[in-house]
Amino acid sequence: MPASAALPTTPSEWQAALKALPATPDNIPAFFFGHGSPMLAFPKDTGRSPGPAASEAIMKHFGSGGSLSQFLTDFGPTLLEKYKPKGIVVFSAHWETHGERLVTDYGDENPLLMDYYGFDRPMYQLKFSSKGDSAIAKRVVDLFKEAGMSARLTAKQEARGRDGRTGFPAPGLDHGVFIPFRLMFGETFKDIPIIQASIEESLSPETNWAIGQAVKQLRKEGILVLAGGVTVHNLRDFASFSPDTARESQRAFSDAVTDAMSIADPRARKEAMMKLKKHPGFRASHPREEHLVPIYVAAGAGEDGDVRVLSALFGSQTVAFGL
């Protein structure tokens, strides 16, 4: 039986795990979290399904009011209470740049990038009001440069660029940020600035681990580092998005991810995480691995400390690194 079988999967279990997190605002852990999908925000009172692929089993897991939604609603307030962050720097599976790190500098109102397709109009009217912070954004750029990486700020009007599929002719926080953050922090969240930074388009585990290493000093400066993705993400196989309908190979891969991240020894943990792409269920779970690589950013930022799995929900695990 995998170690993941004994980890938090129910509200009472993950609430206990969140409560047990040490309150260390002077050394904030880095977190990988399951950012879910736009279905987290799909209105429950429409009487409609987001589409034929969104089965009842998937909505139970990923839909509004489902298990991931419930977890995120508990997760956000815990982060604010335990760590009282001065700012949040977030990495998402939905913003890739090649060879250069971009960091948002959006000012008093972060725009939103509705980077999804085929939903009804209300899904393009979602609100999440937040702000940026030029000083924190510049600090992130400086840390990247100190680590030998090319990096710059992106202005409020600059188009975001690739998310693994195509370029978007607009700026903004992508749905891998604003969809879960609406649940975590509420639709209006102006007390703490949010800055987003890009992941590396090569999708190299080693390169994205180094991105996390570059910003780990932020944890001692009162900045919360979050990296969001999904550990099983196959848009060619929508059954993969629920433990009730996923293939055995996909369930095995999800367990392997959780088991690798749970290893206490930092060196052994890194070795196991770097081997995940060789798992037999990897390609069935990730035809393209952009949703997996944010794990490496979070692990790199918190590689020097303990680790704790806060929720082992299938395909959307949440882990604290650097306790």
C-alpha atoms as a PDB file:
ATOM      1  CA  MET A   1       0.000   0.000   0.000  1.00  0.00           C
ATOM      2  CA  PRO A   2       1.454   3.428  -0.926  1.00  0.00           C
ATOM      3  CA  ALA A   3       2.241   5.904   1.835  1.00  0.00           C
ATOM      4  CA  SER A   4      -0.282   8.259   0.215  1.00  0.00           C
ATOM      5  CA  ALA A   5      -3.093   5.991   1.376  1.00  0.00           C
ATOM      6  CA  ALA A   6      -2.572   7.238   4.936  1.00  0.00           C
ATOM      7  CA  LEU A   7      -2.450  10.972   4.059  1.00  0.00           C
ATOM      8  CA  PRO A   8      -5.239  13.581   4.357  1.00  0.00           C
ATOM      9  CA  THR A   9      -8.133  13.142   1.926  1.00  0.00           C
ATOM     10  CA  THR A  10     -11.160  14.189   3.998  1.00  0.00           C
ATOM     11  CA  PRO A  11     -12.097  17.595   5.470  1.00  0.00           C
ATOM     12  CA  SER A  12     -11.380  16.540   9.042  1.00  0.00           C
ATOM     13  CA  GLU A  13      -7.987  15.117   8.037  1.00  0.00           C
ATOM     14  CA  TRP A  14      -6.797  18.098   5.998  1.00  0.00           C
ATOM     15  CA  GLN A  15      -8.119  20.573   8.561  1.00  0.00           C
ATOM     16  CA  ALA A  16      -6.036  18.803  11.205  1.00  0.00           C
ATOM     17  CA  ALA A  17      -2.986  18.902   8.902  1.00  0.00           C
ATOM     18  CA  LEU A  18      -3.464  22.615   8.251  1.00  0.00           C
ATOM     19  CA  LYS A  19      -3.895  23.329  11.955  1.00  0.00           C
ATOM     20  CA  ALA A  20      -0.646  21.463  12.704  1.00  0.00           C
ATOM     21  CA  LEU A  21       1.433  23.664  10.374  1.00  0.00           C
ATOM     22  CA  PRO A  22       4.006  25.628  12.395  1.00  0.00           C
ATOM     23  CA  ALA A  23       3.418  29.370  12.475  1.00  0.00           C
ATOM     24  CA  THR A  24       6.740  30.697  11.145  1.00  0.00           C
ATOM     25  CA  PRO A  25       6.226  34.104   9.497  1.00  0.00           C
ATOM     26  CA  ASP A  26       9.997  34.633   9.493  1.00  0.00           C
ATOM     27  CA  ASN A  27      10.543  31.431   7.463  1.00  0.00           C
ATOM     28  CA  ILE A  28       7.394  30.724   5.471  1.00  0.00           C
ATOM     29  CA  PRO A  29       7.196  27.301   3.805  1.00  0.00           C
ATOM     30  CA  ALA A  30       6.848  27.133   0.031  1.00  0.00           C
ATOM     31  CA  PHE A  31       3.707  25.372  -1.158  1.00  0.00           C
ATOM     32  CA  PHE A  32       2.682  23.367  -4.167  1.00  0.00           C
ATOM     33  CA  PHE A  33      -1.111  23.352  -4.408  1.00  0.00           C
ATOM     34  CA  GLY A  34      -3.681  21.798  -6.703  1.00  0.00           C
ATOM     35  CA  HIS A  35      -5.038  24.795  -8.617  1.00  0.00           C
ATOM     36  CA  GLY A  36      -7.879  22.833 -10.159  1.00  0.00           C
ATOM     37  CA  SER A  37      -9.669  24.003 -13.298  1.00  0.00           C
ATOM     38  CA  PRO A  38     -12.276  26.590 -14.334  1.00  0.00           C
ATOM     39  CA  MET A  39     -14.911  24.076 -13.235  1.00  0.00           C
ATOM     40  CA  LEU A  40     -14.166  25.178  -9.651  1.00  0.00           C
ATOM     41  CA  ALA A  41     -16.015  28.400 -10.511  1.00  0.00           C
ATOM     42  CA  PHE A  42     -18.770  26.998 -12.720  1.00  0.00           C
ATOM     43  CA  PRO A  43     -22.076  28.259 -11.248  1.00  0.00           C
ATOM     44  CA  LYS A  44     -23.960  25.528  -9.422  1.00  0.00           C
ATOM     45  CA  ASP A  45     -27.392  27.093  -9.905  1.00  0.00           C
ATOM     46  CA  THR A  46     -27.504  27.090 -13.723  1.00  0.00           C
ATOM     47  CA  GLY A  47     -28.850  23.569 -13.997  1.00  0.00           C
ATOM     48  CA  ARG A  48     -26.292  23.012 -16.749  1.00  0.00           C
ATOM     49  CA  SER A  49     -23.061  21.063 -17.086  1.00  0.00           C
ATOM     50  CA  PRO A  50     -19.843  22.762 -18.270  1.00  0.00           C
ATOM     51  CA  GLY A  51     -19.853  20.210 -21.084  1.00  0.00           C
ATOM     52  CA  PRO A  52     -20.316  16.531 -21.888  1.00  0.00           C
ATOM     53  CA  ALA A  53     -16.829  15.749 -20.598  1.00  0.00           C
ATOM     54  CA  ALA A  54     -17.654  17.107 -17.139  1.00  0.00           C
ATOM     55  CA  SER A  55     -19.235  14.012 -15.646  1.00  0.00           C
ATOM     56  CA  GLU A  56     -20.825  13.892 -12.232  1.00  0.00           C
ATOM     57  CA  ALA A  57     -17.731  12.147 -10.864  1.00  0.00           C
ATOM     58  CA  ILE A  58     -15.439  14.911 -12.143  1.00  0.00           C
ATOM     59  CA  MET A  59     -17.653  17.700 -10.816  1.00  0.00           C
ATOM     60  CA  LYS A  60     -17.784  15.970  -7.429  1.00  0.00           C
ATOM     61  CA  HIS A  61     -14.005  16.169  -7.316  1.00  0.00           C
ATOM     62  CA  PHE A  62     -13.146  19.338  -9.295  1.00  0.00           C
ATOM     63  CA  GLY A  63     -16.429  21.251  -9.455  1.00  0.00           C
ATOM     64  CA  SER A  64     -17.713  24.127  -7.347  1.00  0.00           C
ATOM     65  CA  GLY A  65     -18.444  22.783  -3.881  1.00  0.00           C
ATOM     66  CA  GLY A  66     -16.431  19.632  -4.587  1.00  0.00           C
ATOM     67  CA  SER A  67     -13.586  18.241  -2.523  1.00  0.00           C
ATOM     68  CA  LEU A  68     -10.863  20.472  -4.002  1.00  0.00           C
ATOM     69  CA  SER A  69     -13.064  23.543  -3.631  1.00  0.00           C
ATOM     70  CA  GLN A  70     -13.623  22.677   0.026  1.00  0.00           C
ATOM     71  CA  PHE A  71      -9.910  22.239   0.612  1.00  0.00           C
ATOM     72  CA  LEU A  72      -8.940  25.540  -1.006  1.00  0.00           C
ATOM     73  CA  THR A  73     -11.533  27.339   1.130  1.00  0.00           C
ATOM     74  CA  ASP A  74      -9.721  26.000   4.215  1.00  0.00           C
ATOM     75  CA  PHE A  75      -6.223  26.423   2.796  1.00  0.00           C
ATOM     76  CA  GLY A  76      -6.219  30.163   2.075  1.00  0.00           C
ATOM     77  CA  PRO A  77      -7.264  31.444   5.524  1.00  0.00           C
ATOM     78  CA  THR A  78      -4.722  29.115   7.146  1.00  0.00           C
ATOM     79  CA  LEU A  79      -1.909  30.669   5.106  1.00  0.00           C
ATOM     80  CA  LEU A  80      -2.931  34.181   6.132  1.00  0.00           C
ATOM     81  CA  GLU A  81      -3.342  33.282   9.798  1.00  0.00           C
ATOM     82  CA  LYS A  82      -0.137  31.246  10.148  1.00  0.00           C
ATOM     83  CA  TYR A  83       2.243  33.396   8.093  1.00  0.00           C
ATOM     84  CA  LYS A  84       0.780  36.915   7.817  1.00  0.00           C
ATOM     85  CA  PRO A  85       2.588  37.390   4.486  1.00  0.00           C
ATOM     86  CA  LYS A  86       3.672  40.789   3.214  1.00  0.00           C
ATOM     87  CA  GLY A  87       3.125  39.545  -0.324  1.00  0.00           C
ATOM     88  CA  ILE A  88       2.450  36.463  -2.423  1.00  0.00           C
ATOM     89  CA  VAL A  89       4.614  35.322  -5.332  1.00  0.00           C
ATOM     90  CA  VAL A  90       2.808  32.688  -7.369  1.00  0.00           C
ATOM     91  CA  PHE A  91       3.881  30.375 -10.196  1.00  0.00           C
ATOM     92  CA  SER A  92       1.230  28.738 -12.374  1.00  0.00           C
ATOM     93  CA  ALA A  93       1.195  25.915 -14.885  1.00  0.00           C
ATOM     94  CA  HIS A  94      -0.393  28.399 -17.298  1.00  0.00           C
ATOM     95  CA  TRP A  95       2.469  30.843 -17.825  1.00  0.00           C
ATOM     96  CA  GLU A  96       5.607  29.658 -19.587  1.00  0.00           C
ATOM     97  CA  THR A  97       8.464  31.718 -20.983  1.00  0.00           C
ATOM     98  CA  HIS A  98      11.564  30.476 -22.740  1.00  0.00           C
ATOM     99  CA  GLY A  99      14.925  31.358 -21.236  1.00  0.00           C
ATOM    100  CA  GLU A 100      13.693  34.514 -19.510  1.00  0.00           C
ATOM    101  CA  ARG A 101      11.687  34.871 -16.321  1.00  0.00           C
ATOM    102  CA  LEU A 102       8.888  37.427 -16.502  1.00  0.00           C
ATOM    103  CA  VAL A 103       7.449  38.950 -13.332  1.00  0.00           C
ATOM    104  CA  THR A 104       4.210  40.930 -13.211  1.00  0.00           C
ATOM    105  CA  ASP A 105       4.223  44.598 -12.228  1.00  0.00           C
ATOM    106  CA  TYR A 106       0.544  45.435 -12.584  1.00  0.00           C
ATOM    107  CA  GLY A 107       0.115  48.197 -10.025  1.00  0.00           C
ATOM    108  CA  ASP A 108      -3.060  48.864  -8.059  1.00  0.00           C
ATOM    109  CA  GLU A 109      -5.261  46.346  -9.899  1.00  0.00           C
ATOM    110  CA  ASN A 110      -4.119  42.998 -11.271  1.00  0.00           C
ATOM    111  CA  PRO A 111      -5.946  42.299 -14.546  1.00  0.00           C
ATOM    112  CA  LEU A 112      -7.380  38.826 -15.156  1.00  0.00           C
ATOM    113  CA  LEU A 113      -6.636  36.695 -18.205  1.00  0.00           C
ATOM    114  CA  MET A 114      -9.594  34.437 -19.035  1.00  0.00           C
ATOM    115  CA  ASP A 115      -7.366  31.852 -20.677  1.00  0.00           C
ATOM    116  CA  TYR A 116      -9.963  29.144 -21.277  1.00  0.00           C
ATOM    117  CA  TYR A 117     -12.405  28.270 -24.010  1.00  0.00           C
ATOM    118  CA  GLY A 118     -15.954  27.129 -24.625  1.00  0.00           C
ATOM    119  CA  PHE A 119     -17.710  28.185 -21.426  1.00  0.00           C
ATOM    120  CA  ASP A 120     -20.868  30.275 -21.045  1.00  0.00           C
ATOM    121  CA  ARG A 121     -20.664  34.040 -20.613  1.00  0.00           C
ATOM    122  CA  PRO A 122     -20.725  34.081 -16.763  1.00  0.00           C
ATOM    123  CA  MET A 123     -17.377  32.315 -16.725  1.00  0.00           C
ATOM    124  CA  TYR A 124     -15.876  35.330 -18.515  1.00  0.00           C
ATOM    125  CA  GLN A 125     -17.370  37.738 -15.990  1.00  0.00           C
ATOM    126  CA  LEU A 126     -15.683  36.288 -12.909  1.00  0.00           C
ATOM    127  CA  LYS A 127     -14.132  38.781 -10.510  1.00  0.00           C
ATOM    128  CA  PHE A 128     -10.993  38.656  -8.424  1.00  0.00           C
ATOM    129  CA  SER A 129      -9.768  42.064  -7.327  1.00  0.00           C
ATOM    130  CA  SER A 130      -6.148  42.194  -6.176  1.00  0.00           C
ATOM    131  CA  LYS A 131      -3.102  44.434  -6.426  1.00  0.00           C
ATOM    132  CA  GLY A 132       0.568  44.131  -7.311  1.00  0.00           C
ATOM    133  CA  ASP A 133       3.638  45.665  -5.730  1.00  0.00           C
ATOM    134  CA  SER A 134       6.550  47.080  -7.732  1.00  0.00           C
ATOM    135  CA  ALA A 135       9.100  46.675  -4.933  1.00  0.00           C
ATOM    136  CA  ILE A 136       8.346  42.977  -4.441  1.00  0.00           C
ATOM    137  CA  ALA A 137       8.257  42.382  -8.199  1.00  0.00           C
ATOM    138  CA  LYS A 138      11.656  44.039  -8.583  1.00  0.00           C
ATOM    139  CA  ARG A 139      13.016  41.969  -5.690  1.00  0.00           C
ATOM    140  CA  VAL A 140      11.944  38.789  -7.500  1.00  0.00           C
ATOM    141  CA  VAL A 141      13.652  39.948 -10.703  1.00  0.00           C
ATOM    142  CA  ASP A 142      16.815  40.759  -8.757  1.00  0.00           C
ATOM    143  CA  LEU A 143      16.859  37.300  -7.149  1.00  0.00           C
ATOM    144  CA  PHE A 144      16.553  35.642 -10.543  1.00  0.00           C
ATOM    145  CA  LYS A 145      19.422  37.730 -11.864  1.00  0.00           C
ATOM    146  CA  GLU A 146      21.564  36.940  -8.820  1.00  0.00           C
ATOM    147  CA  ALA A 147      21.002  33.270  -9.657  1.00  0.00           C
ATOM    148  CA  GLY A 148      22.312  33.888 -13.176  1.00  0.00           C
ATOM    149  CA  MET A 149      18.910  33.932 -14.870  1.00  0.00           C
ATOM    150  CA  SER A 150      17.601  36.437 -17.383  1.00  0.00           C
ATOM    151  CA  ALA A 151      14.582  38.212 -15.897  1.00  0.00           C
ATOM    152  CA  ARG A 152      12.520  41.362 -16.252  1.00  0.00           C
ATOM    153  CA  LEU A 153       9.260  42.989 -15.215  1.00  0.00           C
ATOM    154  CA  THR A 154       6.227  42.780 -17.467  1.00  0.00           C
ATOM    155  CA  ALA A 155       4.139  45.933 -17.735  1.00  0.00           C
ATOM    156  CA  LYS A 156       0.396  46.123 -17.177  1.00  0.00           C
ATOM    157  CA  GLN A 157      -0.403  46.345 -20.887  1.00  0.00           C
ATOM    158  CA  GLU A 158       2.048  43.686 -22.092  1.00  0.00           C
ATOM    159  CA  ALA A 159       0.508  40.538 -23.563  1.00  0.00           C
ATOM    160  CA  ARG A 160       1.144  37.480 -21.459  1.00  0.00           C
ATOM    161  CA  GLY A 161       2.411  35.085 -24.106  1.00  0.00           C
ATOM    162  CA  ARG A 162       2.370  31.306 -24.057  1.00  0.00           C
ATOM    163  CA  ASP A 163       0.593  28.988 -21.682  1.00  0.00           C
ATOM    164  CA  GLY A 164       1.664  25.790 -23.406  1.00  0.00           C
ATOM    165  CA  ARG A 165      -0.918  26.025 -26.179  1.00  0.00           C
ATOM    166  CA  THR A 166      -0.938  29.492 -27.684  1.00  0.00           C
ATOM    167  CA  GLY A 167      -0.225  33.117 -26.995  1.00  0.00           C
ATOM    168  CA  PHE A 168      -2.853  35.400 -25.482  1.00  0.00           C
ATOM    169  CA  PRO A 169      -3.001  39.027 -26.682  1.00  0.00           C
ATOM    170  CA  ALA A 170      -3.680  40.381 -23.198  1.00  0.00           C
ATOM    171  CA  PRO A 171      -2.039  40.714 -19.774  1.00  0.00           C
ATOM    172  CA  GLY A 172      -3.266  39.349 -16.473  1.00  0.00           C
ATOM    173  CA  LEU A 173      -3.234  36.686 -13.784  1.00  0.00           C
ATOM    174  CA  ASP A 174      -4.260  33.406 -15.438  1.00  0.00           C
ATOM    175  CA  HIS A 175      -6.995  31.031 -14.334  1.00  0.00           C
ATOM    176  CA  GLY A 176      -4.470  28.868 -12.503  1.00  0.00           C
ATOM    177  CA  VAL A 177      -4.192  31.816 -10.119  1.00  0.00           C
ATOM    178  CA  PHE A 178      -7.488  33.685  -9.965  1.00  0.00           C
ATOM    179  CA  ILE A 179      -9.789  30.625 -10.001  1.00  0.00           C
ATOM    180  CA  PRO A 180      -8.299  29.045  -6.832  1.00  0.00           C
ATOM    181  CA  PHE A 181      -7.468  32.406  -5.224  1.00  0.00           C
ATOM    182  CA  ARG A 182     -11.144  33.445  -5.345  1.00  0.00           C
ATOM    183  CA  LEU A 183     -11.850  30.447  -3.128  1.00  0.00           C
ATOM    184  CA  MET A 184      -8.783  30.861  -0.949  1.00  0.00           C
ATOM    185  CA  PHE A 185      -8.964  34.616  -0.329  1.00  0.00           C
ATOM    186  CA  GLY A 186     -12.352  35.907  -1.534  1.00  0.00           C
ATOM    187  CA  GLU A 187     -13.321  37.902  -4.610  1.00  0.00           C
ATOM    188  CA  THR A 188     -11.776  41.101  -3.219  1.00  0.00           C
ATOM    189  CA  PHE A 189      -8.285  40.699  -1.782  1.00  0.00           C
ATOM    190  CA  LYS A 190      -6.414  43.975  -1.638  1.00  0.00           C
ATOM    191  CA  ASP A 191      -4.595  43.693   1.714  1.00  0.00           C
ATOM    192  CA  ILE A 192      -1.679  41.612   0.409  1.00  0.00           C
ATOM    193  CA  PRO A 193      -0.090  42.144  -3.035  1.00  0.00           C
ATOM    194  CA  ILE A 194       0.100  39.310  -5.547  1.00  0.00           C
ATOM    195  CA  ILE A 195       2.924  38.965  -8.069  1.00  0.00           C
ATOM    196  CA  GLN A 196       3.083  36.197 -10.665  1.00  0.00           C
ATOM    197  CA  ALA A 197       6.275  34.836 -12.202  1.00  0.00           C
ATOM    198  CA  SER A 198       6.638  32.513 -15.176  1.00  0.00           C
ATOM    199  CA  ILE A 199       7.838  28.927 -15.228  1.00  0.00           C
ATOM    200  CA  GLU A 200      10.375  27.665 -17.776  1.00  0.00           C
ATOM    201  CA  GLU A 201       8.916  26.603 -21.114  1.00  0.00           C
ATOM    202  CA  SER A 202      11.423  23.772 -21.508  1.00  0.00           C
ATOM    203  CA  LEU A 203       9.482  22.051 -18.687  1.00  0.00           C
ATOM    204  CA  SER A 204      12.773  20.719 -17.365  1.00  0.00           C
ATOM    205  CA  PRO A 205      12.428  19.554 -13.756  1.00  0.00           C
ATOM    206  CA  GLU A 206      15.998  20.673 -13.024  1.00  0.00           C
ATOM    207  CA  THR A 207      15.515  24.158 -14.502  1.00  0.00           C
ATOM    208  CA  ASN A 208      12.236  24.726 -12.699  1.00  0.00           C
ATOM    209  CA  TRP A 209      13.769  23.436  -9.456  1.00  0.00           C
ATOM    210  CA  ALA A 210      16.463  26.101  -9.919  1.00  0.00           C
ATOM    211  CA  ILE A 211      13.753  28.732 -10.345  1.00  0.00           C
ATOM    212  CA  GLY A 212      12.457  27.780  -6.915  1.00  0.00           C
ATOM    213  CA  GLN A 213      15.971  27.872  -5.454  1.00  0.00           C
ATOM    214  CA  ALA A 214      16.428  31.380  -6.831  1.00  0.00           C
ATOM    215  CA  VAL A 215      13.462  32.774  -4.891  1.00  0.00           C
ATOM    216  CA  LYS A 216      13.783  30.798  -1.651  1.00  0.00           C
ATOM    217  CA  GLN A 217      15.179  33.848   0.175  1.00  0.00           C
ATOM    218  CA  LEU A 218      11.712  35.404  -0.145  1.00  0.00           C
ATOM    219  CA  ARG A 219      10.492  32.976   2.496  1.00  0.00           C
ATOM    220  CA  LYS A 220      12.676  34.703   5.104  1.00  0.00           C
ATOM    221  CA  GLU A 221      11.480  38.123   3.929  1.00  0.00           C
ATOM    222  CA  GLY A 222       7.816  37.526   4.720  1.00  0.00           C
ATOM    223  CA  ILE A 223       6.799  36.567   1.182  1.00  0.00           C
ATOM    224  CA  LEU A 224       4.619  33.522   0.575  1.00  0.00           C
ATOM    225  CA  VAL A 225       5.777  31.414  -2.395  1.00  0.00           C
ATOM    226  CA  LEU A 226       3.041  29.345  -4.040  1.00  0.00           C
ATOM    227  CA  ALA A 227       3.232  27.112  -7.111  1.00  0.00           C
ATOM    228  CA  GLY A 228       0.039  25.734  -8.615  1.00  0.00           C
ATOM    229  CA  GLY A 229      -0.593  22.828 -10.950  1.00  0.00           C
ATOM    230  CA  VAL A 230      -2.402  19.517 -11.190  1.00  0.00           C
ATOM    231  CA  THR A 231      -0.621  16.207 -10.775  1.00  0.00           C
ATOM    232  CA  VAL A 232      -2.899  14.342 -13.183  1.00  0.00           C
ATOM    233  CA  HIS A 233      -3.848  16.463 -16.210  1.00  0.00           C
ATOM    234  CA  ASN A 234      -4.890  14.827 -19.456  1.00  0.00           C
ATOM    235  CA  LEU A 235      -7.320  16.875 -21.553  1.00  0.00           C
ATOM    236  CA  ARG A 236      -7.419  14.008 -24.055  1.00  0.00           C
ATOM    237  CA  ASP A 237      -8.911  11.796 -21.362  1.00  0.00           C
ATOM    238  CA  PHE A 238     -11.380  13.657 -19.175  1.00  0.00           C
ATOM    239  CA  ALA A 239     -11.989  10.541 -17.096  1.00  0.00           C
ATOM    240  CA  SER A 240      -8.491  11.157 -15.688  1.00  0.00           C
ATOM    241  CA  PHE A 241      -9.774  14.080 -13.617  1.00  0.00           C
ATOM    242  CA  SER A 242     -11.605  11.946 -11.065  1.00  0.00           C
ATOM    243  CA  PRO A 243     -10.340   9.076  -8.912  1.00  0.00           C
ATOM    244  CA  ASP A 244     -13.641   7.313  -9.637  1.00  0.00           C
ATOM    245  CA  THR A 245     -13.081   7.219 -13.397  1.00  0.00           C
ATOM    246  CA  ALA A 246      -9.288   7.480 -13.872  1.00  0.00           C
ATOM    247  CA  ARG A 247      -7.300   4.567 -15.206  1.00  0.00           C
ATOM    248  CA  GLU A 248      -5.226   2.477 -12.820  1.00  0.00           C
ATOM    249  CA  SER A 249      -2.015   3.853 -14.338  1.00  0.00           C
ATOM    250  CA  GLN A 250      -3.174   7.404 -13.595  1.00  0.00           C
ATOM    251  CA  ARG A 251      -4.093   6.569 -10.020  1.00  0.00           C
ATOM    252  CA  ALA A 252      -0.711   4.880  -9.610  1.00  0.00           C
ATOM    253  CA  PHE A 253       1.073   7.963 -10.935  1.00  0.00           C
ATOM    254  CA  SER A 254      -0.842  10.254  -8.573  1.00  0.00           C
ATOM    255  CA  ASP A 255       0.199   8.027  -5.669  1.00  0.00           C
ATOM    256  CA  ALA A 256       3.800   8.064  -6.889  1.00  0.00           C
ATOM    257  CA  VAL A 257       3.826  11.880  -6.908  1.00  0.00           C
ATOM    258  CA  THR A 258       2.500  12.020  -3.360  1.00  0.00           C
ATOM    259  CA  ASP A 259       4.911   9.364  -2.150  1.00  0.00           C
ATOM    260  CA  ALA A 260       7.905  11.149  -3.711  1.00  0.00           C
ATOM    261  CA  MET A 261       6.970  14.491  -2.177  1.00  0.00           C
ATOM    262  CA  SER A 262       6.454  12.846   1.222  1.00  0.00           C
ATOM    263  CA  ILE A 263      10.036  11.630   1.595  1.00  0.00           C
ATOM    264  CA  ALA A 264      11.637  13.271   4.625  1.00  0.00           C
ATOM    265  CA  ASP A 265      15.276  13.201   3.505  1.00  0.00           C
ATOM    266  CA  PRO A 266      15.807  16.143   1.099  1.00  0.00           C
ATOM    267  CA  ARG A 267      18.285  14.340  -1.162  1.00  0.00           C
ATOM    268  CA  ALA A 268      16.173  11.209  -1.442  1.00  0.00           C
ATOM    269  CA  ARG A 269      13.076  13.347  -2.020  1.00  0.00           C
ATOM    270  CA  LYS A 270      14.699  15.208  -4.889  1.00  0.00           C
ATOM    271  CA  GLU A 271      15.948  11.987  -6.445  1.00  0.00           C
ATOM    272  CA  ALA A 272      12.473  10.425  -6.303  1.00  0.00           C
ATOM    273  CA  MET A 273      10.818  13.535  -7.714  1.00  0.00           C
ATOM    274  CA  MET A 274      13.253  13.696 -10.607  1.00  0.00           C
ATOM    275  CA  LYS A 275      12.343  10.106 -11.523  1.00  0.00           C
ATOM    276  CA  LEU A 276       8.603  10.811 -11.814  1.00  0.00           C
ATOM    277  CA  LYS A 277       8.771  11.319 -15.579  1.00  0.00           C
ATOM    278  CA  LYS A 278       9.997   7.713 -15.889  1.00  0.00           C
ATOM    279  CA  HIS A 279       6.930   6.323 -14.094  1.00  0.00           C
ATOM    280  CA  PRO A 280       4.838   3.974 -16.300  1.00  0.00           C
ATOM    281  CA  GLY A 281       1.753   6.135 -15.723  1.00  0.00           C
ATOM    282  CA  PHE A 282       3.417   9.453 -16.499  1.00  0.00           C
ATOM    283  CA  ARG A 283       2.318   9.940 -20.109  1.00  0.00           C
ATOM    284  CA  ALA A 284      -1.211   8.726 -19.413  1.00  0.00           C
ATOM    285  CA  SER A 285      -1.356  11.418 -16.736  1.00  0.00           C
ATOM    286  CA  HIS A 286       0.526  14.180 -18.585  1.00  0.00           C
ATOM    287  CA  PRO A 287       0.602  14.217 -22.393  1.00  0.00           C
ATOM    288  CA  ARG A 288       2.460  17.481 -21.788  1.00  0.00           C
ATOM    289  CA  GLU A 289       3.946  18.045 -18.322  1.00  0.00           C
ATOM    290  CA  GLU A 290       3.305  21.768 -17.765  1.00  0.00           C
ATOM    291  CA  HIS A 291       0.934  21.011 -14.882  1.00  0.00           C
ATOM    292  CA  LEU A 292       3.513  18.856 -13.123  1.00  0.00           C
ATOM    293  CA  VAL A 293       6.567  21.124 -13.244  1.00  0.00           C
ATOM    294  CA  PRO A 294       5.310  23.722 -10.696  1.00  0.00           C
ATOM    295  CA  ILE A 295       5.960  20.981  -8.130  1.00  0.00           C
ATOM    296  CA  TYR A 296       9.663  21.422  -8.825  1.00  0.00           C
ATOM    297  CA  VAL A 297       9.491  25.180  -8.319  1.00  0.00           C
ATOM    298  CA  ALA A 298       7.928  24.749  -4.875  1.00  0.00           C
ATOM    299  CA  ALA A 299      10.306  21.929  -3.938  1.00  0.00           C
ATOM    300  CA  GLY A 300      13.316  23.984  -5.016  1.00  0.00           C
ATOM    301  CA  ALA A 301      12.162  26.922  -2.913  1.00  0.00           C
ATOM    302  CA  GLY A 302      11.774  24.689   0.131  1.00  0.00           C
ATOM    303  CA  GLU A 303      14.467  22.074  -0.436  1.00  0.00           C
ATOM    304  CA  ASP A 304      16.362  22.888   2.748  1.00  0.00           C
ATOM    305  CA  GLY A 305      13.712  21.802   5.230  1.00  0.00           C
ATOM    306  CA  ASP A 306      11.059  19.304   6.195  1.00  0.00           C
ATOM    307  CA  VAL A 307       8.018  18.507   4.054  1.00  0.00           C
ATOM    308  CA  ARG A 308       4.378  17.840   4.852  1.00  0.00           C
ATOM    309  CA  VAL A 309       1.496  16.693   2.662  1.00  0.00           C
ATOM    310  CA  LEU A 310      -1.548  18.763   3.620  1.00  0.00           C
ATOM    311  CA  SER A 311      -3.992  17.160   1.243  1.00  0.00           C
ATOM    312  CA  ALA A 312      -3.602  14.021  -0.846  1.00  0.00           C
ATOM    313  CA  LEU A 313      -6.674  14.573  -3.019  1.00  0.00           C
ATOM    314  CA  PHE A 314      -6.271  12.641  -6.261  1.00  0.00           C
ATOM    315  CA  GLY A 315      -4.493  14.700  -8.891  1.00  0.00           C
ATOM    316  CA  SER A 316      -4.544  17.880  -6.808  1.00  0.00           C
ATOM    317  CA  GLN A 317      -2.232  17.315  -3.876  1.00  0.00           C
ATOM    318  CA  THR A 318      -1.071  20.208  -1.685  1.00  0.00           C
ATOM    319  CA  VAL A 319       2.355  20.035  -0.040  1.00  0.00           C
ATOM    320  CA  ALA A 320       4.391  22.340   2.219  1.00  0.00           C
ATOM    321  CA  PHE A 321       8.152  22.374   1.549  1.00  0.00           C
ATOM    322  CA  GLY A 322      10.786  23.885   3.842  1.00  0.00           C
ATOM    323  CA  LEU A 323       9.135  23.590   7.237  1.00  0.00           C
END
